[in-house]
Protein backbone atom coordinates (compact mmCIF):
# COMPACT_ATOMS: atom_id res chain seq x y z
CA UNK A 1 1.55 -20.76 -2.34
CA UNK A 2 -1.00 -19.80 -4.96
CA UNK A 3 -3.01 -17.64 -2.55
CA UNK A 4 -2.13 -13.94 -2.57
CA UNK A 5 -3.21 -13.56 1.06
CA UNK A 6 -3.50 -15.82 4.09
CA UNK A 7 -4.99 -14.63 7.37
CA UNK A 8 -4.59 -16.86 10.44
CA UNK A 9 -7.38 -16.59 13.01
CA UNK A 10 -8.25 -18.06 16.38
CA UNK A 11 -11.94 -18.89 16.31
CA UNK A 12 -12.34 -19.93 19.97
CA UNK A 13 -15.44 -18.50 21.57
CA UNK A 14 -17.43 -18.25 18.33
CA UNK A 15 -20.79 -19.97 18.26
CA UNK A 16 -21.48 -22.29 15.35
CA UNK A 17 -23.94 -19.76 13.94
CA UNK A 18 -21.28 -17.01 14.09
CA UNK A 19 -18.69 -19.22 12.42
CA UNK A 20 -21.25 -20.09 9.73
CA UNK A 21 -21.94 -16.38 9.19
CA UNK A 22 -18.19 -15.69 8.86
CA UNK A 23 -17.80 -18.53 6.35
CA UNK A 24 -20.73 -17.17 4.32
CA UNK A 25 -19.27 -13.65 4.23
CA UNK A 26 -15.89 -14.98 3.19
CA UNK A 27 -17.39 -17.30 0.56
CA UNK A 28 -19.44 -14.40 -0.88
CA UNK A 29 -16.17 -12.45 -1.23
CA UNK A 30 -14.46 -15.39 -2.98
CA UNK A 31 -12.30 -16.32 0.01
CA UNK A 32 -11.66 -19.84 1.24
CA UNK A 33 -11.83 -20.37 5.03
CA UNK A 34 -10.53 -23.59 6.53
CA UNK A 35 -9.99 -24.87 10.05
CA UNK A 36 -6.51 -26.34 9.85
CA UNK A 37 -4.31 -28.80 11.67
CA UNK A 38 -1.25 -26.87 12.76
CA UNK A 39 1.32 -29.61 12.09
CA UNK A 40 0.05 -30.26 8.57
CA UNK A 41 -0.17 -26.54 7.83
CA UNK A 42 3.43 -26.01 9.01
CA UNK A 43 4.53 -28.73 6.58
CA UNK A 44 2.42 -27.25 3.79
CA UNK A 45 3.83 -23.72 4.13
CA UNK A 46 7.41 -24.85 4.71
CA UNK A 47 8.57 -24.28 1.10
CA UNK A 48 6.27 -21.38 0.23
CA UNK A 49 6.26 -17.61 0.61
CA UNK A 50 4.00 -18.10 3.66
CA UNK A 51 6.60 -20.08 5.62
CA UNK A 52 6.83 -17.26 8.16
CA UNK A 53 3.31 -18.19 9.34
CA UNK A 54 4.57 -21.46 10.82
CA UNK A 55 5.55 -19.81 14.12
CA UNK A 56 2.02 -18.44 14.57
CA UNK A 57 0.19 -21.73 14.13
CA UNK A 58 -0.59 -22.45 17.77
CA UNK A 59 -3.89 -23.37 19.36
CA UNK A 60 -7.07 -23.65 17.33
CA UNK A 61 -6.45 -22.01 13.94
CA UNK A 62 -8.41 -21.29 10.83
CA UNK A 63 -6.96 -19.72 7.70
CA UNK A 64 -8.68 -17.36 5.27
CA UNK A 65 -7.12 -17.68 1.80
CA UNK A 66 -7.60 -15.04 -0.87
CA UNK A 67 -6.66 -16.02 -4.41
CA UNK A 68 -7.64 -12.88 -6.32
CA UNK A 69 -7.15 -9.91 -4.03
CA UNK A 70 -4.68 -9.36 -1.19
CA UNK A 71 -6.75 -6.92 0.84
CA UNK A 72 -10.27 -8.39 0.76
CA UNK A 73 -9.56 -11.38 3.06
CA UNK A 74 -8.03 -9.08 5.69
CA UNK A 75 -10.91 -6.61 5.38
CA UNK A 76 -13.66 -9.23 5.75
CA UNK A 77 -11.92 -11.02 8.64
CA UNK A 78 -11.03 -7.83 10.53
CA UNK A 79 -14.53 -6.38 10.08
CA UNK A 80 -16.06 -9.60 11.41
CA UNK A 81 -13.57 -9.73 14.31
CA UNK A 82 -14.48 -6.16 15.27
CA UNK A 83 -18.20 -6.88 15.08
CA UNK A 84 -18.09 -10.18 16.98
CA UNK A 85 -15.43 -9.30 19.52
CA UNK A 86 -14.52 -13.00 19.72
CA UNK A 87 -12.60 -13.79 16.57
CA UNK A 88 -8.90 -13.06 16.98
CA UNK A 89 -6.61 -12.36 14.07
CA UNK A 90 -3.20 -13.84 14.81
CA UNK A 91 -1.20 -12.88 11.74
CA UNK A 92 -1.42 -12.49 8.00
CA UNK A 93 0.72 -12.98 4.94
CA UNK A 94 0.16 -10.68 1.99
CA UNK A 95 2.27 -11.43 -1.09
CA UNK A 96 4.80 -13.32 1.00
CA UNK A 97 5.18 -10.67 3.72
CA UNK A 98 4.25 -11.41 7.31
CA UNK A 99 1.93 -8.70 8.67
CA UNK A 100 0.63 -8.35 12.22
CA UNK A 101 -3.03 -7.45 12.95
CA UNK A 102 -2.24 -3.76 13.58
CA UNK A 103 -0.56 -3.38 10.19
CA UNK A 104 -3.36 -5.38 8.55
CA UNK A 105 -5.76 -2.70 9.81
CA UNK A 106 -3.60 -0.07 8.12
CA UNK A 107 -3.50 -2.05 4.87
CA UNK A 108 -7.27 -2.30 4.64
CA UNK A 109 -7.53 1.49 4.91
CA UNK A 110 -5.62 1.90 1.63
CA UNK A 111 -7.63 2.59 -1.52
CA UNK A 112 -8.14 -0.34 -3.90
CA UNK A 113 -5.25 -1.29 -6.18
CA UNK A 114 -7.01 0.01 -9.32
CA UNK A 115 -7.51 3.42 -7.70
CA UNK A 116 -3.85 3.60 -6.65
CA UNK A 117 -2.77 2.69 -10.17
CA UNK A 118 -5.02 5.42 -11.59
CA UNK A 119 -3.52 7.98 -9.20
CA UNK A 120 0.00 6.94 -10.20
CA UNK A 121 -0.89 7.14 -13.88
CA UNK A 122 -2.33 10.63 -13.33
CA UNK A 123 0.88 11.76 -11.62
CA UNK A 124 3.03 10.30 -14.37
CA UNK A 125 0.97 11.95 -17.10
CA UNK A 126 1.43 15.42 -15.56
CA UNK A 127 5.20 15.08 -15.18
CA UNK A 128 6.12 15.83 -18.84
CA UNK A 129 4.05 19.03 -18.78
CA UNK A 130 5.70 20.15 -15.54
CA UNK A 131 9.16 19.31 -16.88
CA UNK A 132 8.44 21.26 -20.07
CA UNK A 133 7.30 24.24 -17.99
CA UNK A 134 10.52 24.22 -15.97
CA UNK A 135 12.69 23.80 -19.05
CA UNK A 136 10.97 26.66 -20.90
CA UNK A 137 11.21 28.99 -17.89
CA UNK A 138 14.94 29.60 -18.30
CA UNK A 139 14.82 30.80 -21.93
CA UNK A 140 11.62 32.74 -21.24
CA UNK A 141 13.24 34.56 -18.31
CA UNK A 142 16.37 35.24 -20.37
CA UNK A 143 14.27 36.73 -23.18
CA UNK A 144 12.37 38.93 -20.73
CA UNK A 145 15.70 40.26 -19.38
CA UNK A 146 16.80 41.07 -22.93
CA UNK A 147 13.45 42.71 -23.65
CA UNK A 148 13.88 45.09 -20.71
CA UNK A 149 14.37 48.69 -21.71
CA UNK A 150 17.93 49.32 -22.82
CA UNK A 151 18.34 52.00 -20.16
CA UNK A 152 17.57 49.48 -17.38
CA UNK A 153 19.86 46.93 -18.99
CA UNK A 154 22.69 49.45 -19.32
CA UNK A 155 22.15 50.51 -15.72
CA UNK A 156 22.55 46.91 -14.57
CA UNK A 157 25.73 46.50 -16.62
CA UNK A 158 27.20 49.74 -15.14
CA UNK A 159 26.37 48.56 -11.60
CA UNK A 160 28.15 45.27 -12.26
CA UNK A 161 31.14 47.15 -13.63
CA UNK A 162 31.29 49.42 -10.55
CA UNK A 163 31.26 46.46 -8.20
CA UNK A 164 34.03 44.80 -10.18
CA UNK A 165 36.24 47.91 -10.00
CA UNK A 166 35.56 48.33 -6.26
CA UNK A 167 36.54 44.74 -5.58
CA UNK A 168 39.91 45.16 -7.32
């Protein structure tokens, strides 16, 4: 399947004008929306990453196919379904994974892919500085112990010696 996302919907109850509005919104977002024949669609997805959709192709179905972005088809369809109250989202496939409508709602709440990549890059760029800070802490602390006044240092050594003699 060359589409990155496929969202199966039940369009029963939508007026022609509402269905036309949905198609326009999807087309404006670069998403293909087709009313499909279930038997032919089952055959078409049989050898693809969307084969898990076959079990959900019952009753009147239409499929929104996103070729560039995985999240946009789900977002447009779910927003329209919420606004209309008639369109039902049956199931979706994002990058070969079957996702139910509840999890699709969670997916659309995520930040865009580019933003997530930028956050990851920011985290990765701070890691060397943090690692260097941790690695330099041990020698720095050791030097500060050595720099303590000799009297304090000798006092610590004597206390260690007393404990050793008491233990034996």
